[in-house]
Amino acid sequence: MAVLKYELIADSLRQRIADGEFGPDDLLPSQRDLCGQWDVSRATVIKAYDLLVNDGLVVARQGQGFRTSPMPVARPAGGRKAGTTRAAGGRAYRILGTPNRLAPPARVAAALGLSDGAKALRRDRLIELADGSPLSVVAAWFPPEIADRCTKLAERKQLIEGTTRYIARMTGRAPARGIDVTTVRRGTADEAEALSRPQPFAVAEVLHTAQDADGRTLVVECGVTPEGLWEDTQTYPMTGAR
């Protein structure tokens, strides 16, 4: 499938931001400059910037043009259905600890397609509420072939473009199918510490698997949200329902 011009412009800007050419809250190229550089209409440039705004990489400032986001955002595990955006569902976050290669739990290993004892790269993040208090802790597990090619995943740094965007840019493999399994259980001592909760307490755990078009797993995320901060709302048509 041919890549449209506005997608090419967005990808070029996304990579320039990811490579550090533009820092947080930096002014990005004007619409006029991009029109001349790419020989396109203003409408095409606006569509490119709209993509980056929906990705949470860029913000529009009245009278100032477009600037890079002052703060990277991430979403809790799951809930990444078609039509959703990272900007709408994303929140401030921070990386916990240092990413490391470990043998994942059995459920995660099965979703990754790993044999017993095989290691995957684990990268943890804490999603925060607007006041900076904990919302959800997420352990993201990446299969060895992804971790080997996407070396920034092993760094204790936020990826402003998002992990799956980064993986797609480095490997050409984009998420095409998501599987979310939600369970409710008692929180562990480690989760109580990360989420600043006294024990005992209940959590909702979402096991999110992202696969490419060939059914190969890109990442498995285990997200845990404490009682009182989690709800699942579904809106769906009921025409003809009996």
C-alpha atoms as a PDB file:
ATOM      1  CA  MET A   1       0.000   0.000   0.000  1.00  0.00           C
ATOM      2  CA  ALA A   2       1.375   3.395  -0.997  1.00  0.00           C
ATOM      3  CA  VAL A   3       2.249   5.774   1.839  1.00  0.00           C
ATOM      4  CA  LEU A   4       0.419   9.084   1.529  1.00  0.00           C
ATOM      5  CA  LYS A   5       2.352  12.342   1.443  1.00  0.00           C
ATOM      6  CA  TYR A   6       1.036  13.602   4.772  1.00  0.00           C
ATOM      7  CA  GLU A   7       2.083  10.303   6.389  1.00  0.00           C
ATOM      8  CA  LEU A   8       5.596  10.728   4.993  1.00  0.00           C
ATOM      9  CA  ILE A   9       5.761  14.254   6.409  1.00  0.00           C
ATOM     10  CA  ALA A  10       4.513  13.044   9.809  1.00  0.00           C
ATOM     11  CA  ASP A  11       7.027  10.170   9.844  1.00  0.00           C
ATOM     12  CA  SER A  12       9.872  12.557   8.986  1.00  0.00           C
ATOM     13  CA  LEU A  13       8.929  14.945  11.800  1.00  0.00           C
ATOM     14  CA  ARG A  14       8.381  12.048  14.212  1.00  0.00           C
ATOM     15  CA  GLN A  15      11.891  10.762  13.592  1.00  0.00           C
ATOM     16  CA  ARG A  16      13.432  14.237  13.935  1.00  0.00           C
ATOM     17  CA  ILE A  17      11.689  14.613  17.308  1.00  0.00           C
ATOM     18  CA  ALA A  18      12.740  11.107  18.402  1.00  0.00           C
ATOM     19  CA  ASP A  19      16.349  11.810  17.376  1.00  0.00           C
ATOM     20  CA  GLY A  20      16.434  14.880  19.600  1.00  0.00           C
ATOM     21  CA  GLU A  21      16.546  17.562  16.909  1.00  0.00           C
ATOM     22  CA  PHE A  22      13.588  19.186  18.676  1.00  0.00           C
ATOM     23  CA  GLY A  23      13.397  19.187  22.465  1.00  0.00           C
ATOM     24  CA  PRO A  24      10.334  19.520  24.717  1.00  0.00           C
ATOM     25  CA  ASP A  25       8.156  22.538  23.831  1.00  0.00           C
ATOM     26  CA  ASP A  26      10.368  23.468  20.859  1.00  0.00           C
ATOM     27  CA  LEU A  27       8.785  25.259  17.915  1.00  0.00           C
ATOM     28  CA  LEU A  28       8.448  22.968  14.885  1.00  0.00           C
ATOM     29  CA  PRO A  29       8.764  23.968  11.195  1.00  0.00           C
ATOM     30  CA  SER A  30       6.033  26.280   9.984  1.00  0.00           C
ATOM     31  CA  GLN A  31       3.308  25.159   7.627  1.00  0.00           C
ATOM     32  CA  ARG A  32       4.767  27.420   4.936  1.00  0.00           C
ATOM     33  CA  ASP A  33       8.237  25.890   5.308  1.00  0.00           C
ATOM     34  CA  LEU A  34       6.904  22.343   5.079  1.00  0.00           C
ATOM     35  CA  CYS A  35       4.735  23.196   2.084  1.00  0.00           C
ATOM     36  CA  GLY A  36       7.808  24.429   0.250  1.00  0.00           C
ATOM     37  CA  GLN A  37      10.041  21.578   1.388  1.00  0.00           C
ATOM     38  CA  TRP A  38       7.608  18.837   0.388  1.00  0.00           C
ATOM     39  CA  ASP A  39       5.822  20.653  -2.461  1.00  0.00           C
ATOM     40  CA  VAL A  40       2.396  20.050  -0.949  1.00  0.00           C
ATOM     41  CA  SER A  41      -0.661  22.069   0.004  1.00  0.00           C
ATOM     42  CA  ARG A  42      -1.283  23.578   3.425  1.00  0.00           C
ATOM     43  CA  ALA A  43      -4.103  21.048   3.958  1.00  0.00           C
ATOM     44  CA  THR A  44      -1.605  18.186   3.562  1.00  0.00           C
ATOM     45  CA  VAL A  45       0.736  19.687   6.156  1.00  0.00           C
ATOM     46  CA  ILE A  46      -2.146  20.196   8.585  1.00  0.00           C
ATOM     47  CA  LYS A  47      -3.122  16.510   8.204  1.00  0.00           C
ATOM     48  CA  ALA A  48       0.477  15.542   9.006  1.00  0.00           C
ATOM     49  CA  TYR A  49       0.471  17.681  12.136  1.00  0.00           C
ATOM     50  CA  ASP A  50      -2.940  16.276  13.127  1.00  0.00           C
ATOM     51  CA  LEU A  51      -1.387  12.803  13.174  1.00  0.00           C
ATOM     52  CA  LEU A  52       1.368  13.982  15.500  1.00  0.00           C
ATOM     53  CA  VAL A  53      -1.102  15.783  17.755  1.00  0.00           C
ATOM     54  CA  ASN A  54      -3.133  12.567  18.081  1.00  0.00           C
ATOM     55  CA  ASP A  55       0.102  10.702  18.867  1.00  0.00           C
ATOM     56  CA  GLY A  56       0.753  13.057  21.762  1.00  0.00           C
ATOM     57  CA  LEU A  57       4.047  14.233  20.243  1.00  0.00           C
ATOM     58  CA  VAL A  58       2.901  17.703  19.236  1.00  0.00           C
ATOM     59  CA  VAL A  59       0.625  20.403  20.622  1.00  0.00           C
ATOM     60  CA  ALA A  60      -0.950  23.275  18.714  1.00  0.00           C
ATOM     61  CA  ARG A  61      -0.479  26.710  20.292  1.00  0.00           C
ATOM     62  CA  GLN A  62      -2.814  29.504  19.210  1.00  0.00           C
ATOM     63  CA  GLY A  63      -0.806  32.070  17.284  1.00  0.00           C
ATOM     64  CA  GLN A  64       2.445  30.101  17.776  1.00  0.00           C
ATOM     65  CA  GLY A  65       2.115  27.181  15.387  1.00  0.00           C
ATOM     66  CA  PHE A  66       3.020  23.651  16.479  1.00  0.00           C
ATOM     67  CA  ARG A  67       5.404  22.724  19.271  1.00  0.00           C
ATOM     68  CA  THR A  68       6.705  19.421  20.592  1.00  0.00           C
ATOM     69  CA  SER A  69       4.846  18.142  23.629  1.00  0.00           C
ATOM     70  CA  PRO A  70       6.412  19.420  26.863  1.00  0.00           C
ATOM     71  CA  MET A  71       5.857  16.029  28.504  1.00  0.00           C
ATOM     72  CA  PRO A  72       5.768  12.506  27.004  1.00  0.00           C
ATOM     73  CA  VAL A  73       2.576  10.540  27.662  1.00  0.00           C
ATOM     74  CA  ALA A  74       1.742   6.847  27.813  1.00  0.00           C
ATOM     75  CA  ARG A  75      -1.437   4.834  28.197  1.00  0.00           C
ATOM     76  CA  PRO A  76      -2.289   2.135  30.719  1.00  0.00           C
ATOM     77  CA  ALA A  77      -2.188  -1.408  29.352  1.00  0.00           C
ATOM     78  CA  GLY A  78      -5.111  -2.276  27.099  1.00  0.00           C
ATOM     79  CA  GLY A  79      -7.874  -0.097  25.750  1.00  0.00           C
ATOM     80  CA  ARG A  80      -6.052   0.616  22.480  1.00  0.00           C
ATOM     81  CA  LYS A  81      -8.942  -0.101  20.180  1.00  0.00           C
ATOM     82  CA  ALA A  82      -9.141   1.251  16.637  1.00  0.00           C
ATOM     83  CA  GLY A  83     -10.036   4.914  16.610  1.00  0.00           C
ATOM     84  CA  THR A  84      -8.421   5.715  19.973  1.00  0.00           C
ATOM     85  CA  THR A  85      -5.474   8.085  20.247  1.00  0.00           C
ATOM     86  CA  ARG A  86      -2.503   8.250  22.578  1.00  0.00           C
ATOM     87  CA  ALA A  87      -3.172  11.944  23.188  1.00  0.00           C
ATOM     88  CA  ALA A  88      -6.722  11.248  24.380  1.00  0.00           C
ATOM     89  CA  GLY A  89      -5.860   8.248  26.567  1.00  0.00           C
ATOM     90  CA  GLY A  90      -2.313   9.148  27.518  1.00  0.00           C
ATOM     91  CA  ARG A  91      -1.059  10.419  30.862  1.00  0.00           C
ATOM     92  CA  ALA A  92       2.234  11.522  32.331  1.00  0.00           C
ATOM     93  CA  TYR A  93       4.455   8.617  33.300  1.00  0.00           C
ATOM     94  CA  ARG A  94       7.899   7.700  34.505  1.00  0.00           C
ATOM     95  CA  ILE A  95      10.162   4.712  34.008  1.00  0.00           C
ATOM     96  CA  LEU A  96      10.640   2.494  37.054  1.00  0.00           C
ATOM     97  CA  GLY A  97      14.043   0.897  37.600  1.00  0.00           C
ATOM     98  CA  THR A  98      16.301  -0.143  34.749  1.00  0.00           C
ATOM     99  CA  PRO A  99      14.997  -2.346  31.904  1.00  0.00           C
ATOM    100  CA  ASN A 100      16.441  -5.844  32.171  1.00  0.00           C
ATOM    101  CA  ARG A 101      16.239  -9.251  30.522  1.00  0.00           C
ATOM    102  CA  LEU A 102      14.406 -11.744  32.705  1.00  0.00           C
ATOM    103  CA  ALA A 103      12.392 -14.936  32.406  1.00  0.00           C
ATOM    104  CA  PRO A 104       8.762 -13.719  32.321  1.00  0.00           C
ATOM    105  CA  PRO A 105       5.830 -15.304  34.186  1.00  0.00           C
ATOM    106  CA  ALA A 106       4.222 -18.285  32.468  1.00  0.00           C
ATOM    107  CA  ARG A 107       1.245 -16.305  31.080  1.00  0.00           C
ATOM    108  CA  VAL A 108       3.528 -13.671  29.587  1.00  0.00           C
ATOM    109  CA  ALA A 109       5.960 -16.271  28.206  1.00  0.00           C
ATOM    110  CA  ALA A 110       3.071 -18.057  26.489  1.00  0.00           C
ATOM    111  CA  ALA A 111       1.821 -14.802  24.933  1.00  0.00           C
ATOM    112  CA  LEU A 112       5.368 -14.035  23.732  1.00  0.00           C
ATOM    113  CA  GLY A 113       5.768 -17.561  22.358  1.00  0.00           C
ATOM    114  CA  LEU A 114       8.843 -18.220  24.512  1.00  0.00           C
ATOM    115  CA  SER A 115       9.980 -21.555  25.857  1.00  0.00           C
ATOM    116  CA  ASP A 116      10.357 -22.138  29.610  1.00  0.00           C
ATOM    117  CA  GLY A 117      13.268 -20.178  31.045  1.00  0.00           C
ATOM    118  CA  ALA A 118      13.782 -18.018  27.929  1.00  0.00           C
ATOM    119  CA  LYS A 119      14.339 -14.352  28.705  1.00  0.00           C
ATOM    120  CA  ALA A 120      12.556 -11.241  27.454  1.00  0.00           C
ATOM    121  CA  LEU A 121      13.256  -7.562  28.018  1.00  0.00           C
ATOM    122  CA  ARG A 122      11.159  -6.090  30.835  1.00  0.00           C
ATOM    123  CA  ARG A 123      10.511  -2.338  30.934  1.00  0.00           C
ATOM    124  CA  ASP A 124       8.340  -0.929  33.746  1.00  0.00           C
ATOM    125  CA  ARG A 125       6.473   2.360  33.846  1.00  0.00           C
ATOM    126  CA  LEU A 126       4.229   4.118  36.338  1.00  0.00           C
ATOM    127  CA  ILE A 127       1.237   5.983  34.899  1.00  0.00           C
ATOM    128  CA  GLU A 128       0.317   9.015  36.980  1.00  0.00           C
ATOM    129  CA  LEU A 129      -2.860  10.949  37.713  1.00  0.00           C
ATOM    130  CA  ALA A 130      -3.012  14.697  37.102  1.00  0.00           C
ATOM    131  CA  ASP A 131      -1.831  15.399  40.657  1.00  0.00           C
ATOM    132  CA  GLY A 132       1.187  13.111  40.248  1.00  0.00           C
ATOM    133  CA  SER A 133      -0.207  10.249  42.333  1.00  0.00           C
ATOM    134  CA  PRO A 134      -0.023   6.674  40.967  1.00  0.00           C
ATOM    135  CA  LEU A 135      -2.719   5.383  38.634  1.00  0.00           C
ATOM    136  CA  SER A 136      -1.330   2.182  37.141  1.00  0.00           C
ATOM    137  CA  VAL A 137       1.926   0.256  37.047  1.00  0.00           C
ATOM    138  CA  VAL A 138       2.765  -1.495  33.781  1.00  0.00           C
ATOM    139  CA  ALA A 139       5.382  -4.155  33.072  1.00  0.00           C
ATOM    140  CA  ALA A 140       6.077  -4.286  29.325  1.00  0.00           C
ATOM    141  CA  TRP A 141       7.768  -7.440  28.011  1.00  0.00           C
ATOM    142  CA  PHE A 142       9.497  -7.471  24.610  1.00  0.00           C
ATOM    143  CA  PRO A 143      10.608 -10.652  22.787  1.00  0.00           C
ATOM    144  CA  PRO A 144      14.370 -11.045  22.187  1.00  0.00           C
ATOM    145  CA  GLU A 145      14.220 -10.288  18.451  1.00  0.00           C
ATOM    146  CA  ILE A 146      12.489  -6.961  19.174  1.00  0.00           C
ATOM    147  CA  ALA A 147      14.823  -6.051  22.033  1.00  0.00           C
ATOM    148  CA  ASP A 148      17.891  -6.829  19.905  1.00  0.00           C
ATOM    149  CA  ARG A 149      16.850  -4.433  17.135  1.00  0.00           C
ATOM    150  CA  CYS A 150      15.256  -1.746  19.303  1.00  0.00           C
ATOM    151  CA  THR A 151      18.117  -0.940  21.654  1.00  0.00           C
ATOM    152  CA  LYS A 152      16.518   2.187  23.152  1.00  0.00           C
ATOM    153  CA  LEU A 153      14.021  -0.074  24.928  1.00  0.00           C
ATOM    154  CA  ALA A 154      16.850  -1.114  27.261  1.00  0.00           C
ATOM    155  CA  GLU A 155      17.570   2.486  28.259  1.00  0.00           C
ATOM    156  CA  ARG A 156      15.977   4.138  31.270  1.00  0.00           C
ATOM    157  CA  LYS A 157      14.556   6.902  29.113  1.00  0.00           C
ATOM    158  CA  GLN A 158      11.073   7.873  28.009  1.00  0.00           C
ATOM    159  CA  LEU A 159      10.362   7.283  24.333  1.00  0.00           C
ATOM    160  CA  ILE A 160       8.395  10.332  23.242  1.00  0.00           C
ATOM    161  CA  GLU A 161       7.073   8.570  20.127  1.00  0.00           C
ATOM    162  CA  GLY A 162       5.807   5.577  22.131  1.00  0.00           C
ATOM    163  CA  THR A 163       7.214   2.053  22.195  1.00  0.00           C
ATOM    164  CA  THR A 164       5.105   0.551  19.407  1.00  0.00           C
ATOM    165  CA  ARG A 165       5.818   3.510  17.108  1.00  0.00           C
ATOM    166  CA  TYR A 166       9.512   3.111  17.861  1.00  0.00           C
ATOM    167  CA  ILE A 167       9.338  -0.636  17.170  1.00  0.00           C
ATOM    168  CA  ALA A 168       7.532  -0.020  13.875  1.00  0.00           C
ATOM    169  CA  ARG A 169      10.151   2.527  12.834  1.00  0.00           C
ATOM    170  CA  MET A 170      13.049   0.210  13.663  1.00  0.00           C
ATOM    171  CA  THR A 171      11.613  -3.100  12.420  1.00  0.00           C
ATOM    172  CA  GLY A 172       8.833  -2.247   9.961  1.00  0.00           C
ATOM    173  CA  ARG A 173       6.438  -4.283  12.140  1.00  0.00           C
ATOM    174  CA  ALA A 174       3.391  -2.352  13.326  1.00  0.00           C
ATOM    175  CA  PRO A 175       0.629  -3.552  15.671  1.00  0.00           C
ATOM    176  CA  ALA A 176      -2.350  -4.957  13.764  1.00  0.00           C
ATOM    177  CA  ARG A 177      -4.182  -6.942  16.457  1.00  0.00           C
ATOM    178  CA  GLY A 178      -4.580  -6.467  20.191  1.00  0.00           C
ATOM    179  CA  ILE A 179      -5.736  -8.970  22.795  1.00  0.00           C
ATOM    180  CA  ASP A 180      -6.743  -7.740  26.262  1.00  0.00           C
ATOM    181  CA  VAL A 181      -7.529 -10.112  29.127  1.00  0.00           C
ATOM    182  CA  THR A 182      -8.748  -8.485  32.359  1.00  0.00           C
ATOM    183  CA  THR A 183      -8.798 -10.203  35.732  1.00  0.00           C
ATOM    184  CA  VAL A 184      -9.307  -9.011  39.319  1.00  0.00           C
ATOM    185  CA  ARG A 185      -7.079 -10.185  42.148  1.00  0.00           C
ATOM    186  CA  ARG A 186      -5.361  -9.096  45.365  1.00  0.00           C
ATOM    187  CA  GLY A 187      -2.391  -6.764  44.934  1.00  0.00           C
ATOM    188  CA  THR A 188       1.107  -7.894  45.834  1.00  0.00           C
ATOM    189  CA  ALA A 189       3.543  -6.231  48.246  1.00  0.00           C
ATOM    190  CA  ASP A 190       5.609  -4.846  45.330  1.00  0.00           C
ATOM    191  CA  GLU A 191       2.479  -3.422  43.711  1.00  0.00           C
ATOM    192  CA  ALA A 192       1.398  -1.870  47.013  1.00  0.00           C
ATOM    193  CA  GLU A 193       4.743  -0.064  47.201  1.00  0.00           C
ATOM    194  CA  ALA A 194       4.665   1.122  43.573  1.00  0.00           C
ATOM    195  CA  LEU A 195       1.033   2.290  43.825  1.00  0.00           C
ATOM    196  CA  SER A 196       1.357   3.746  47.360  1.00  0.00           C
ATOM    197  CA  ARG A 197      -1.436   1.539  48.675  1.00  0.00           C
ATOM    198  CA  PRO A 198      -1.838  -0.141  52.061  1.00  0.00           C
ATOM    199  CA  GLN A 199      -2.427  -3.877  52.022  1.00  0.00           C
ATOM    200  CA  PRO A 200      -4.671  -5.710  51.507  1.00  0.00           C
ATOM    201  CA  PHE A 201      -6.144  -4.158  48.370  1.00  0.00           C
ATOM    202  CA  ALA A 202      -7.682  -5.346  45.109  1.00  0.00           C
ATOM    203  CA  VAL A 203      -6.364  -4.635  41.618  1.00  0.00           C
ATOM    204  CA  ALA A 204      -7.590  -5.004  38.060  1.00  0.00           C
ATOM    205  CA  GLU A 205      -4.890  -6.637  35.927  1.00  0.00           C
ATOM    206  CA  VAL A 206      -4.949  -6.218  32.150  1.00  0.00           C
ATOM    207  CA  LEU A 207      -2.767  -8.540  30.078  1.00  0.00           C
ATOM    208  CA  HIS A 208      -2.375  -6.754  26.739  1.00  0.00           C
ATOM    209  CA  THR A 209      -0.767  -8.483  23.742  1.00  0.00           C
ATOM    210  CA  ALA A 210       0.048  -6.546  20.562  1.00  0.00           C
ATOM    211  CA  GLN A 211       0.664  -8.589  17.412  1.00  0.00           C
ATOM    212  CA  ASP A 212       1.736  -7.611  13.904  1.00  0.00           C
ATOM    213  CA  ALA A 213      -0.105  -8.507  10.699  1.00  0.00           C
ATOM    214  CA  ASP A 214       1.576 -11.937  10.664  1.00  0.00           C
ATOM    215  CA  GLY A 215       0.424 -12.756  14.195  1.00  0.00           C
ATOM    216  CA  ARG A 216       3.885 -12.292  15.732  1.00  0.00           C
ATOM    217  CA  THR A 217       3.930 -10.684  19.160  1.00  0.00           C
ATOM    218  CA  LEU A 218       5.530  -7.260  19.472  1.00  0.00           C
ATOM    219  CA  VAL A 219       4.968  -6.677  23.180  1.00  0.00           C
ATOM    220  CA  VAL A 220       3.033  -8.065  26.122  1.00  0.00           C
ATOM    221  CA  GLU A 221       2.032  -5.602  28.832  1.00  0.00           C
ATOM    222  CA  CYS A 222       0.799  -6.484  32.290  1.00  0.00           C
ATOM    223  CA  GLY A 223      -0.943  -3.422  33.717  1.00  0.00           C
ATOM    224  CA  VAL A 224      -2.208  -3.214  37.286  1.00  0.00           C
ATOM    225  CA  THR A 225      -4.645  -0.547  38.518  1.00  0.00           C
ATOM    226  CA  PRO A 226      -5.868  -0.430  42.136  1.00  0.00           C
ATOM    227  CA  GLU A 227      -9.462  -0.548  43.295  1.00  0.00           C
ATOM    228  CA  GLY A 228     -11.285   2.745  43.048  1.00  0.00           C
ATOM    229  CA  LEU A 229      -9.316   3.907  39.998  1.00  0.00           C
ATOM    230  CA  TRP A 230     -10.386   1.332  37.425  1.00  0.00           C
ATOM    231  CA  GLU A 231     -13.553   0.984  35.390  1.00  0.00           C
ATOM    232  CA  ASP A 232     -14.382  -0.497  32.002  1.00  0.00           C
ATOM    233  CA  THR A 233     -16.942   1.334  29.862  1.00  0.00           C
ATOM    234  CA  GLN A 234     -18.077  -0.150  26.555  1.00  0.00           C
ATOM    235  CA  THR A 235     -20.358   1.570  24.022  1.00  0.00           C
ATOM    236  CA  TYR A 236     -21.803  -0.619  21.274  1.00  0.00           C
ATOM    237  CA  PRO A 237     -24.766  -0.730  18.850  1.00  0.00           C
ATOM    238  CA  MET A 238     -27.831  -2.751  19.844  1.00  0.00           C
ATOM    239  CA  THR A 239     -29.851  -2.387  16.633  1.00  0.00           C
ATOM    240  CA  GLY A 240     -31.836  -5.553  16.157  1.00  0.00           C
ATOM    241  CA  ALA A 241     -30.905  -6.902  19.589  1.00  0.00           C
ATOM    242  CA  ARG A 242     -33.498  -9.205  21.156  1.00  0.00           C
END
